[in-house]
Structure formats: C-alpha cells, structure tokens
Amino acid sequence: MEIKRKVVLLGDAAVGKTSLVRRFVYDVFDDKYIMTIGTKVSKKTMELEWDGMEITLNLLIWDVLGQQGFTQVQEAAFRGSDGALFVCDLTRRSTLYSIAHYWLPVLERVAGVPGVLLANKSDLDNWELTYEEVENFANQIGVPFLLTSAKTGENVEEAFRTLAEMTFMFYPVMVNEREERVPETLKDALDIIMDDFAKKYGDYDDGMAVLTANMKLVGIDIENPKVSQLIALVDKLYTIEKDYLGVARARENKVKRLGILKRVRWS
C-alpha cells in the first residue's frame, strides 16, 4: 500500500530544523547556518508496517520559515499538512516559549494535526532547558517528545517515524480561510506580498524559490525590510509575472502590492 503524507517543521530560526531534515533525508549534518526563507520541501520514502499492513510512505517534509511575524506565508505552508514537528533548541529557553506562544497558535488557526516535540541539540553541554521542563511542556500541549541531535543523529529517524505513524491515526481538521489581513509594518507587507506572489506562481514552493532569489538580489533583510527594497522587489515580480500572466494581470498585481506598501507608509 502506498500513501503520501505532508508534515511541517515549526520553530524559531536556528533551532536546527534544516539540519534535522538533512540528517533524515540525506543522512548528513551541516552546521553552517542558512536561514530558510519561505519553505523548503524535501521528500523521503519510508517502508513501514502498520496494523498488519506493509506501507510505502512518501513523506513530504516542509521546513517552514523560522522568523516570527510572517504568518501569512507560514499559514499557507501549513494548509493541507498531516502532522507537525515542533522544534526547540535545548540551549535557548526562549525557543520553547515561542512554540507555546507563537508556533502552536499559528498552526491551530489553519489545521488541527498530530505533533511531536523535538528538543534539539542534545549533543551540546550548555543546556538552558532541563529534561523535566521539556517533558512537562509536552504533557501540557498533549504531544510526545524526543531529545534529538542533527549532529549525532540521535532520535532523528525515530522522530519522523513516530510522527508518520501518528498521521495514520488522525485526520487533519482544516480551518476556513482567513480574512484579508491589514499590514501594520513593512514586515507584514513583505509577508503578504510573498504569499500573494507564491500563490499566483502556480506552485507555492517554486514561487518561494523565485522569491528567495529576487529578495537576495535587492538585498532585503526580512527582519528589517526597507521601503525602497520592497518597491524594487515588486518591480522584479512584475517583470517575472508579465511573461506568464500577461502584462495586464502582472500590472494589476503590481498595483495591488504597491497599495499594500502604501497602506503601511501612509496609514
């Protein structure tokens, strides 16, 4: 029996989500930190036995932008997911707090899915969190937990396997689409523009890859975007879209995105 499941990795920047995916999918560790912009999607095929059946599982793994505030992009990535890995960093207490106060609420606005808590970087000595704190938090939100290390591979395979098996027992509960969001900051505006472009591109993940390249070209710092940079990005997106949407549709999208910026600048 062959089935497909989509799972998402949630957590603050630099908790090790990308390294966990690399260890699981490719069995390699890379400690060079590269901030994920948008989402990265990886695929892993697993052979599992469940309830007496032999299952070939095609696992689609979405490594989601770890910067807080990009809720529209993040919620779009969460839609259609079957499970979630919540990742915190044992050496940074704040990353566990973020799961409770940011990542879990964002996910629950879109989907109700099973999850597993991963307390990552167990190979390091400078823990700020204790085993008991992680265990208590996992009990509070009703999920199992594992101590993991992308560097040594500790419990990485087990984490994905545990979540995969949990997805066989649960069906996701989707939440209605959110109302149009009014941007309060330039960061909000960038979030909305990114989500809008990726949706119109046809394939959300490919759209994010195009966005990433063009954001780098105009020098956007996603934590502190500038008006001039966002205008330059909108211009580049117009140039891209007119080739496959046509000039009229591309111009319509450009006007809409500049309008989003104007609402921030002059509201």
C-alpha atoms as a PDB file:
ATOM      1  CA  MET A   1       0.000   0.000   0.000  1.00  0.00           C
ATOM      2  CA  GLU A   2       1.432   3.382  -0.999  1.00  0.00           C
ATOM      3  CA  ILE A   3       0.339   6.629   0.666  1.00  0.00           C
ATOM      4  CA  LYS A   4       1.520  10.230   0.931  1.00  0.00           C
ATOM      5  CA  ARG A   5       1.732  12.491   3.966  1.00  0.00           C
ATOM      6  CA  LYS A   6       2.742  16.133   4.349  1.00  0.00           C
ATOM      7  CA  VAL A   7       4.477  17.151   7.586  1.00  0.00           C
ATOM      8  CA  VAL A   8       5.775  20.548   8.644  1.00  0.00           C
ATOM      9  CA  LEU A   9       8.690  21.550  10.876  1.00  0.00           C
ATOM     10  CA  LEU A  10       7.945  24.549  13.105  1.00  0.00           C
ATOM     11  CA  GLY A  11      10.204  26.545  15.380  1.00  0.00           C
ATOM     12  CA  ASP A  12      12.348  29.638  15.670  1.00  0.00           C
ATOM     13  CA  ALA A  13      15.276  30.374  13.393  1.00  0.00           C
ATOM     14  CA  ALA A  14      18.481  28.408  14.096  1.00  0.00           C
ATOM     15  CA  VAL A  15      16.859  25.680  16.233  1.00  0.00           C
ATOM     16  CA  GLY A  16      18.142  23.133  13.710  1.00  0.00           C
ATOM     17  CA  LYS A  17      15.097  22.316  11.576  1.00  0.00           C
ATOM     18  CA  THR A  18      17.005  22.295   8.275  1.00  0.00           C
ATOM     19  CA  SER A  19      19.807  20.216   9.777  1.00  0.00           C
ATOM     20  CA  LEU A  20      17.295  17.678  11.097  1.00  0.00           C
ATOM     21  CA  VAL A  21      15.781  17.351   7.625  1.00  0.00           C
ATOM     22  CA  ARG A  22      19.213  16.960   6.052  1.00  0.00           C
ATOM     23  CA  ARG A  23      20.154  14.270   8.581  1.00  0.00           C
ATOM     24  CA  PHE A  24      16.902  12.368   7.997  1.00  0.00           C
ATOM     25  CA  VAL A  25      16.668  12.677   4.220  1.00  0.00           C
ATOM     26  CA  TYR A  26      20.345  12.529   3.263  1.00  0.00           C
ATOM     27  CA  ASP A  27      21.934  11.260   6.496  1.00  0.00           C
ATOM     28  CA  VAL A  28      24.335  14.205   6.606  1.00  0.00           C
ATOM     29  CA  PHE A  29      24.893  17.054   9.048  1.00  0.00           C
ATOM     30  CA  ASP A  30      25.743  20.610   8.047  1.00  0.00           C
ATOM     31  CA  ASP A  31      26.377  23.060  10.892  1.00  0.00           C
ATOM     32  CA  LYS A  32      26.596  26.053   8.554  1.00  0.00           C
ATOM     33  CA  TYR A  33      23.563  28.158   9.406  1.00  0.00           C
ATOM     34  CA  ILE A  34      21.472  29.191   6.422  1.00  0.00           C
ATOM     35  CA  MET A  35      18.240  30.986   7.265  1.00  0.00           C
ATOM     36  CA  THR A  36      15.257  29.450   5.494  1.00  0.00           C
ATOM     37  CA  ILE A  37      13.210  31.954   3.516  1.00  0.00           C
ATOM     38  CA  GLY A  38       9.690  30.751   2.820  1.00  0.00           C
ATOM     39  CA  THR A  39       9.701  26.963   2.794  1.00  0.00           C
ATOM     40  CA  LYS A  40      11.927  24.127   1.655  1.00  0.00           C
ATOM     41  CA  VAL A  41      10.280  20.868   0.680  1.00  0.00           C
ATOM     42  CA  SER A  42      12.095  17.541   0.858  1.00  0.00           C
ATOM     43  CA  LYS A  43      10.842  14.034   0.135  1.00  0.00           C
ATOM     44  CA  LYS A  44      11.660  10.792   1.894  1.00  0.00           C
ATOM     45  CA  THR A  45      10.226   7.360   1.136  1.00  0.00           C
ATOM     46  CA  MET A  46       9.834   5.085   4.147  1.00  0.00           C
ATOM     47  CA  GLU A  47       8.802   1.450   4.431  1.00  0.00           C
ATOM     48  CA  LEU A  48       6.545   0.951   7.447  1.00  0.00           C
ATOM     49  CA  GLU A  49       4.366  -1.744   8.927  1.00  0.00           C
ATOM     50  CA  TRP A  50       1.077  -0.504  10.361  1.00  0.00           C
ATOM     51  CA  ASP A  51      -1.841  -2.547  11.659  1.00  0.00           C
ATOM     52  CA  GLY A  52      -0.602  -5.616   9.809  1.00  0.00           C
ATOM     53  CA  MET A  53      -0.110  -3.762   6.519  1.00  0.00           C
ATOM     54  CA  GLU A  54       3.097  -3.049   4.633  1.00  0.00           C
ATOM     55  CA  ILE A  55       3.071   0.650   3.793  1.00  0.00           C
ATOM     56  CA  THR A  56       5.276   2.623   1.410  1.00  0.00           C
ATOM     57  CA  LEU A  57       5.081   6.155   2.763  1.00  0.00           C
ATOM     58  CA  ASN A  58       6.056   9.135   0.627  1.00  0.00           C
ATOM     59  CA  LEU A  59       6.756  11.785   3.232  1.00  0.00           C
ATOM     60  CA  LEU A  60       6.759  15.414   2.069  1.00  0.00           C
ATOM     61  CA  ILE A  61       8.677  17.467   4.630  1.00  0.00           C
ATOM     62  CA  TRP A  62       8.091  21.223   4.730  1.00  0.00           C
ATOM     63  CA  ASP A  63      10.812  23.205   6.508  1.00  0.00           C
ATOM     64  CA  VAL A  64       8.982  26.456   7.263  1.00  0.00           C
ATOM     65  CA  LEU A  65      10.366  29.985   7.625  1.00  0.00           C
ATOM     66  CA  GLY A  66      11.523  30.383  11.232  1.00  0.00           C
ATOM     67  CA  GLN A  67      11.122  34.147  11.510  1.00  0.00           C
ATOM     68  CA  GLN A  68       8.144  35.197  13.592  1.00  0.00           C
ATOM     69  CA  GLY A  69       5.665  37.600  12.045  1.00  0.00           C
ATOM     70  CA  PHE A  70       5.376  36.034   8.578  1.00  0.00           C
ATOM     71  CA  THR A  71       2.088  34.399   9.495  1.00  0.00           C
ATOM     72  CA  GLN A  72       0.503  34.563   6.056  1.00  0.00           C
ATOM     73  CA  VAL A  73       3.385  32.709   4.394  1.00  0.00           C
ATOM     74  CA  GLN A  74       3.570  30.277   7.296  1.00  0.00           C
ATOM     75  CA  GLU A  75      -0.152  29.564   7.395  1.00  0.00           C
ATOM     76  CA  ALA A  76      -0.150  28.929   3.652  1.00  0.00           C
ATOM     77  CA  ALA A  77       2.590  26.337   4.173  1.00  0.00           C
ATOM     78  CA  PHE A  78       0.643  24.683   6.995  1.00  0.00           C
ATOM     79  CA  ARG A  79      -2.515  24.142   4.947  1.00  0.00           C
ATOM     80  CA  GLY A  80      -3.014  20.545   3.905  1.00  0.00           C
ATOM     81  CA  SER A  81      -0.497  19.237   6.434  1.00  0.00           C
ATOM     82  CA  ASP A  82      -0.995  15.883   8.160  1.00  0.00           C
ATOM     83  CA  GLY A  83       1.403  16.361  11.069  1.00  0.00           C
ATOM     84  CA  ALA A  84       3.903  18.720  12.682  1.00  0.00           C
ATOM     85  CA  LEU A  85       7.294  18.528  14.367  1.00  0.00           C
ATOM     86  CA  PHE A  86       7.721  21.329  16.916  1.00  0.00           C
ATOM     87  CA  VAL A  87      11.450  22.003  17.269  1.00  0.00           C
ATOM     88  CA  CYS A  88      13.076  23.867  20.153  1.00  0.00           C
ATOM     89  CA  ASP A  89      16.739  24.379  20.996  1.00  0.00           C
ATOM     90  CA  LEU A  90      17.861  22.980  24.348  1.00  0.00           C
ATOM     91  CA  THR A  91      20.446  25.766  24.624  1.00  0.00           C
ATOM     92  CA  ARG A  92      17.833  28.555  24.235  1.00  0.00           C
ATOM     93  CA  ARG A  93      14.895  28.588  26.643  1.00  0.00           C
ATOM     94  CA  SER A  94      13.099  31.215  24.549  1.00  0.00           C
ATOM     95  CA  THR A  95      12.587  28.720  21.696  1.00  0.00           C
ATOM     96  CA  LEU A  96      10.322  26.564  23.864  1.00  0.00           C
ATOM     97  CA  TYR A  97       8.353  29.643  24.885  1.00  0.00           C
ATOM     98  CA  SER A  98       7.931  30.507  21.197  1.00  0.00           C
ATOM     99  CA  ILE A  99       6.299  27.174  20.443  1.00  0.00           C
ATOM    100  CA  ALA A 100       3.627  27.821  23.056  1.00  0.00           C
ATOM    101  CA  HIS A 101       3.012  31.475  22.260  1.00  0.00           C
ATOM    102  CA  TYR A 102       3.622  31.687  18.523  1.00  0.00           C
ATOM    103  CA  TRP A 103       4.026  28.465  16.533  1.00  0.00           C
ATOM    104  CA  LEU A 104       1.264  26.383  18.069  1.00  0.00           C
ATOM    105  CA  PRO A 105      -1.358  29.171  17.806  1.00  0.00           C
ATOM    106  CA  VAL A 106      -0.390  29.880  14.170  1.00  0.00           C
ATOM    107  CA  LEU A 107      -0.728  26.197  13.257  1.00  0.00           C
ATOM    108  CA  GLU A 108      -4.032  25.811  15.105  1.00  0.00           C
ATOM    109  CA  ARG A 109      -5.566  28.692  13.151  1.00  0.00           C
ATOM    110  CA  VAL A 110      -5.133  26.604   9.997  1.00  0.00           C
ATOM    111  CA  ALA A 111      -5.159  22.908  10.898  1.00  0.00           C
ATOM    112  CA  GLY A 112      -5.551  20.530  13.783  1.00  0.00           C
ATOM    113  CA  VAL A 113      -2.928  17.824  13.262  1.00  0.00           C
ATOM    114  CA  PRO A 114      -0.901  15.443  15.457  1.00  0.00           C
ATOM    115  CA  GLY A 115       2.522  16.637  16.554  1.00  0.00           C
ATOM    116  CA  VAL A 116       5.788  15.623  18.191  1.00  0.00           C
ATOM    117  CA  LEU A 117       8.022  17.953  20.223  1.00  0.00           C
ATOM    118  CA  LEU A 118      11.745  17.752  19.433  1.00  0.00           C
ATOM    119  CA  ALA A 119      14.231  19.215  21.897  1.00  0.00           C
ATOM    120  CA  ASN A 120      17.201  19.581  19.556  1.00  0.00           C
ATOM    121  CA  LYS A 121      20.979  19.991  20.020  1.00  0.00           C
ATOM    122  CA  SER A 122      21.158  17.354  22.749  1.00  0.00           C
ATOM    123  CA  ASP A 123      24.835  16.836  21.876  1.00  0.00           C
ATOM    124  CA  LEU A 124      25.735  20.247  23.363  1.00  0.00           C
ATOM    125  CA  ASP A 125      26.590  20.830  27.010  1.00  0.00           C
ATOM    126  CA  ASN A 126      25.199  24.326  27.591  1.00  0.00           C
ATOM    127  CA  TRP A 127      21.530  23.432  28.030  1.00  0.00           C
ATOM    128  CA  GLU A 128      19.208  26.145  29.315  1.00  0.00           C
ATOM    129  CA  LEU A 129      16.279  23.715  29.406  1.00  0.00           C
ATOM    130  CA  THR A 130      16.030  20.641  31.606  1.00  0.00           C
ATOM    131  CA  TYR A 131      14.606  17.287  30.602  1.00  0.00           C
ATOM    132  CA  GLU A 132      11.777  17.803  33.092  1.00  0.00           C
ATOM    133  CA  GLU A 133      10.828  21.191  31.608  1.00  0.00           C
ATOM    134  CA  VAL A 134      10.591  19.720  28.119  1.00  0.00           C
ATOM    135  CA  GLU A 135       8.598  16.758  29.416  1.00  0.00           C
ATOM    136  CA  ASN A 136       6.172  18.989  31.325  1.00  0.00           C
ATOM    137  CA  PHE A 137       5.624  21.227  28.304  1.00  0.00           C
ATOM    138  CA  ALA A 138       4.984  18.241  26.033  1.00  0.00           C
ATOM    139  CA  ASN A 139       2.421  16.967  28.511  1.00  0.00           C
ATOM    140  CA  GLN A 140       0.732  20.384  28.614  1.00  0.00           C
ATOM    141  CA  ILE A 141       0.210  20.511  24.855  1.00  0.00           C
ATOM    142  CA  GLY A 142      -0.544  16.800  24.612  1.00  0.00           C
ATOM    143  CA  VAL A 143       2.263  15.560  22.357  1.00  0.00           C
ATOM    144  CA  PRO A 144       5.100  13.042  22.730  1.00  0.00           C
ATOM    145  CA  PHE A 145       8.647  14.395  22.845  1.00  0.00           C
ATOM    146  CA  LEU A 146      12.167  13.319  21.952  1.00  0.00           C
ATOM    147  CA  LEU A 147      15.643  14.693  22.592  1.00  0.00           C
ATOM    148  CA  THR A 148      17.344  14.964  19.212  1.00  0.00           C
ATOM    149  CA  SER A 149      20.676  15.863  17.670  1.00  0.00           C
ATOM    150  CA  ALA A 150      21.089  16.559  13.979  1.00  0.00           C
ATOM    151  CA  LYS A 151      24.840  16.291  14.514  1.00  0.00           C
ATOM    152  CA  THR A 152      24.918  12.784  16.023  1.00  0.00           C
ATOM    153  CA  GLY A 153      21.635  11.584  14.541  1.00  0.00           C
ATOM    154  CA  GLU A 154      20.149  10.844  17.976  1.00  0.00           C
ATOM    155  CA  ASN A 155      16.405  10.097  17.633  1.00  0.00           C
ATOM    156  CA  VAL A 156      16.144  11.816  14.229  1.00  0.00           C
ATOM    157  CA  GLU A 157      14.838   8.745  12.395  1.00  0.00           C
ATOM    158  CA  GLU A 158      12.644   7.946  15.397  1.00  0.00           C
ATOM    159  CA  ALA A 159      11.126  11.458  15.352  1.00  0.00           C
ATOM    160  CA  PHE A 160       9.939  11.252  11.763  1.00  0.00           C
ATOM    161  CA  ARG A 161       8.821   7.652  12.141  1.00  0.00           C
ATOM    162  CA  THR A 162       6.800   8.480  15.267  1.00  0.00           C
ATOM    163  CA  LEU A 163       5.054  11.363  13.546  1.00  0.00           C
ATOM    164  CA  ALA A 164       4.438   9.311  10.398  1.00  0.00           C
ATOM    165  CA  GLU A 165       2.704   6.604  12.407  1.00  0.00           C
ATOM    166  CA  MET A 166       0.632   9.220  14.261  1.00  0.00           C
ATOM    167  CA  THR A 167      -0.664  10.556  10.934  1.00  0.00           C
ATOM    168  CA  PHE A 168      -2.194   7.139  10.249  1.00  0.00           C
ATOM    169  CA  MET A 169      -4.377   7.532  13.342  1.00  0.00           C
ATOM    170  CA  PHE A 170      -5.519  11.131  12.890  1.00  0.00           C
ATOM    171  CA  TYR A 171      -7.237  13.094  10.168  1.00  0.00           C
ATOM    172  CA  PRO A 172      -6.373  16.802   9.894  1.00  0.00           C
ATOM    173  CA  VAL A 173      -9.071  19.337  10.660  1.00  0.00           C
ATOM    174  CA  MET A 174      -8.896  22.288   8.284  1.00  0.00           C
ATOM    175  CA  VAL A 175      -9.902  25.781   9.318  1.00  0.00           C
ATOM    176  CA  ASN A 176     -11.625  28.255   6.990  1.00  0.00           C
ATOM    177  CA  GLU A 177      -9.510  30.694   5.024  1.00  0.00           C
ATOM    178  CA  ARG A 178      -8.608  33.822   6.965  1.00  0.00           C
ATOM    179  CA  GLU A 179      -9.938  37.257   6.095  1.00  0.00           C
ATOM    180  CA  GLU A 180      -7.699  39.693   4.229  1.00  0.00           C
ATOM    181  CA  ARG A 181      -5.020  40.999   6.544  1.00  0.00           C
ATOM    182  CA  VAL A 182      -4.210  44.674   7.014  1.00  0.00           C
ATOM    183  CA  PRO A 183      -0.431  45.207   7.270  1.00  0.00           C
ATOM    184  CA  GLU A 184       0.807  47.139  10.281  1.00  0.00           C
ATOM    185  CA  THR A 185       4.528  47.076   9.442  1.00  0.00           C
ATOM    186  CA  LEU A 186       6.757  46.666   6.395  1.00  0.00           C
ATOM    187  CA  LYS A 187       7.493  43.163   7.620  1.00  0.00           C
ATOM    188  CA  ASP A 188       3.759  42.416   7.486  1.00  0.00           C
ATOM    189  CA  ALA A 189       3.618  43.878   3.970  1.00  0.00           C
ATOM    190  CA  LEU A 190       6.503  41.654   2.831  1.00  0.00           C
ATOM    191  CA  ASP A 191       4.752  38.631   4.306  1.00  0.00           C
ATOM    192  CA  ILE A 192       1.551  39.402   2.348  1.00  0.00           C
ATOM    193  CA  ILE A 193       3.443  40.111  -0.899  1.00  0.00           C
ATOM    194  CA  MET A 194       5.423  36.869  -0.603  1.00  0.00           C
ATOM    195  CA  ASP A 195       2.292  34.824  -0.030  1.00  0.00           C
ATOM    196  CA  ASP A 196       0.412  36.573  -2.857  1.00  0.00           C
ATOM    197  CA  PHE A 197       3.195  36.002  -5.410  1.00  0.00           C
ATOM    198  CA  ALA A 198       3.764  32.352  -4.446  1.00  0.00           C
ATOM    199  CA  LYS A 199       0.052  31.553  -4.756  1.00  0.00           C
ATOM    200  CA  LYS A 200      -0.165  33.157  -8.184  1.00  0.00           C
ATOM    201  CA  TYR A 201       3.029  31.478  -9.388  1.00  0.00           C
ATOM    202  CA  GLY A 202       1.235  28.144  -9.667  1.00  0.00           C
ATOM    203  CA  ASP A 203       3.442  26.039  -7.431  1.00  0.00           C
ATOM    204  CA  TYR A 204       3.853  27.583  -3.995  1.00  0.00           C
ATOM    205  CA  ASP A 205       7.263  26.093  -3.266  1.00  0.00           C
ATOM    206  CA  ASP A 206       8.672  27.042  -6.683  1.00  0.00           C
ATOM    207  CA  GLY A 207       7.267  30.529  -6.176  1.00  0.00           C
ATOM    208  CA  MET A 208       9.105  30.783  -2.874  1.00  0.00           C
ATOM    209  CA  ALA A 209      12.345  29.761  -4.552  1.00  0.00           C
ATOM    210  CA  VAL A 210      11.905  32.553  -7.106  1.00  0.00           C
ATOM    211  CA  LEU A 211      11.128  35.000  -4.300  1.00  0.00           C
ATOM    212  CA  THR A 212      14.212  33.966  -2.359  1.00  0.00           C
ATOM    213  CA  ALA A 213      16.483  34.638  -5.317  1.00  0.00           C
ATOM    214  CA  ASN A 214      14.952  38.046  -6.030  1.00  0.00           C
ATOM    215  CA  MET A 215      14.896  39.111  -2.386  1.00  0.00           C
ATOM    216  CA  LYS A 216      18.613  38.431  -2.267  1.00  0.00           C
ATOM    217  CA  LEU A 217      19.134  40.469  -5.440  1.00  0.00           C
ATOM    218  CA  VAL A 218      17.517  43.558  -3.912  1.00  0.00           C
ATOM    219  CA  GLY A 219      19.212  42.993  -0.548  1.00  0.00           C
ATOM    220  CA  ILE A 220      16.127  42.531   1.622  1.00  0.00           C
ATOM    221  CA  ASP A 221      16.678  41.842   5.316  1.00  0.00           C
ATOM    222  CA  ILE A 222      13.464  40.028   6.210  1.00  0.00           C
ATOM    223  CA  GLU A 223      13.722  41.210   9.813  1.00  0.00           C
ATOM    224  CA  ASN A 224      14.076  44.863   8.789  1.00  0.00           C
ATOM    225  CA  PRO A 225      12.878  45.419   5.209  1.00  0.00           C
ATOM    226  CA  LYS A 226      13.135  48.911   3.704  1.00  0.00           C
ATOM    227  CA  VAL A 227      10.503  50.617   1.569  1.00  0.00           C
ATOM    228  CA  SER A 228      12.920  51.078  -1.332  1.00  0.00           C
ATOM    229  CA  GLN A 229      13.832  47.390  -1.265  1.00  0.00           C
ATOM    230  CA  LEU A 230      10.200  46.287  -1.257  1.00  0.00           C
ATOM    231  CA  ILE A 231       9.390  48.581  -4.180  1.00  0.00           C
ATOM    232  CA  ALA A 232      12.346  47.104  -6.072  1.00  0.00           C
ATOM    233  CA  LEU A 233      11.066  43.596  -5.266  1.00  0.00           C
ATOM    234  CA  VAL A 234       7.565  44.466  -6.532  1.00  0.00           C
ATOM    235  CA  ASP A 235       9.125  45.712  -9.783  1.00  0.00           C
ATOM    236  CA  LYS A 236      11.065  42.468 -10.215  1.00  0.00           C
ATOM    237  CA  LEU A 237       7.973  40.379  -9.541  1.00  0.00           C
ATOM    238  CA  TYR A 238       6.105  42.378 -12.189  1.00  0.00           C
ATOM    239  CA  THR A 239       8.841  41.611 -14.730  1.00  0.00           C
ATOM    240  CA  ILE A 240       8.610  37.907 -13.891  1.00  0.00           C
ATOM    241  CA  GLU A 241       4.808  37.707 -13.925  1.00  0.00           C
ATOM    242  CA  LYS A 242       4.223  39.516 -17.196  1.00  0.00           C
ATOM    243  CA  ASP A 243       5.963  36.666 -19.024  1.00  0.00           C
ATOM    244  CA  TYR A 244       3.429  34.060 -17.900  1.00  0.00           C
ATOM    245  CA  LEU A 245       0.410  36.021 -16.653  1.00  0.00           C
ATOM    246  CA  GLY A 246       0.429  38.701 -19.324  1.00  0.00           C
ATOM    247  CA  VAL A 247       1.058  42.424 -18.963  1.00  0.00           C
ATOM    248  CA  ALA A 248      -2.461  43.301 -17.786  1.00  0.00           C
ATOM    249  CA  ARG A 249      -2.564  40.741 -14.943  1.00  0.00           C
ATOM    250  CA  ALA A 250       1.009  41.462 -13.931  1.00  0.00           C
ATOM    251  CA  ARG A 251       0.303  45.198 -13.780  1.00  0.00           C
ATOM    252  CA  GLU A 252      -2.816  44.533 -11.696  1.00  0.00           C
ATOM    253  CA  ASN A 253      -0.734  42.529  -9.224  1.00  0.00           C
ATOM    254  CA  LYS A 254       1.923  45.243  -9.116  1.00  0.00           C
ATOM    255  CA  VAL A 255      -0.644  47.939  -8.311  1.00  0.00           C
ATOM    256  CA  LYS A 256      -2.125  45.743  -5.587  1.00  0.00           C
ATOM    257  CA  ARG A 257       1.281  45.123  -3.988  1.00  0.00           C
ATOM    258  CA  LEU A 258       2.291  48.781  -4.112  1.00  0.00           C
ATOM    259  CA  GLY A 259      -1.058  49.529  -2.499  1.00  0.00           C
ATOM    260  CA  ILE A 260      -0.142  47.172   0.352  1.00  0.00           C
ATOM    261  CA  LEU A 261       3.053  49.174   0.911  1.00  0.00           C
ATOM    262  CA  LYS A 262       1.164  52.465   0.753  1.00  0.00           C
ATOM    263  CA  ARG A 263      -1.199  51.336   3.478  1.00  0.00           C
ATOM    264  CA  VAL A 264       1.803  50.844   5.765  1.00  0.00           C
ATOM    265  CA  ARG A 265       3.663  54.036   4.809  1.00  0.00           C
ATOM    266  CA  TRP A 266       0.815  56.492   4.993  1.00  0.00           C
ATOM    267  CA  SER A 267      -1.741  54.889   7.306  1.00  0.00           C
END
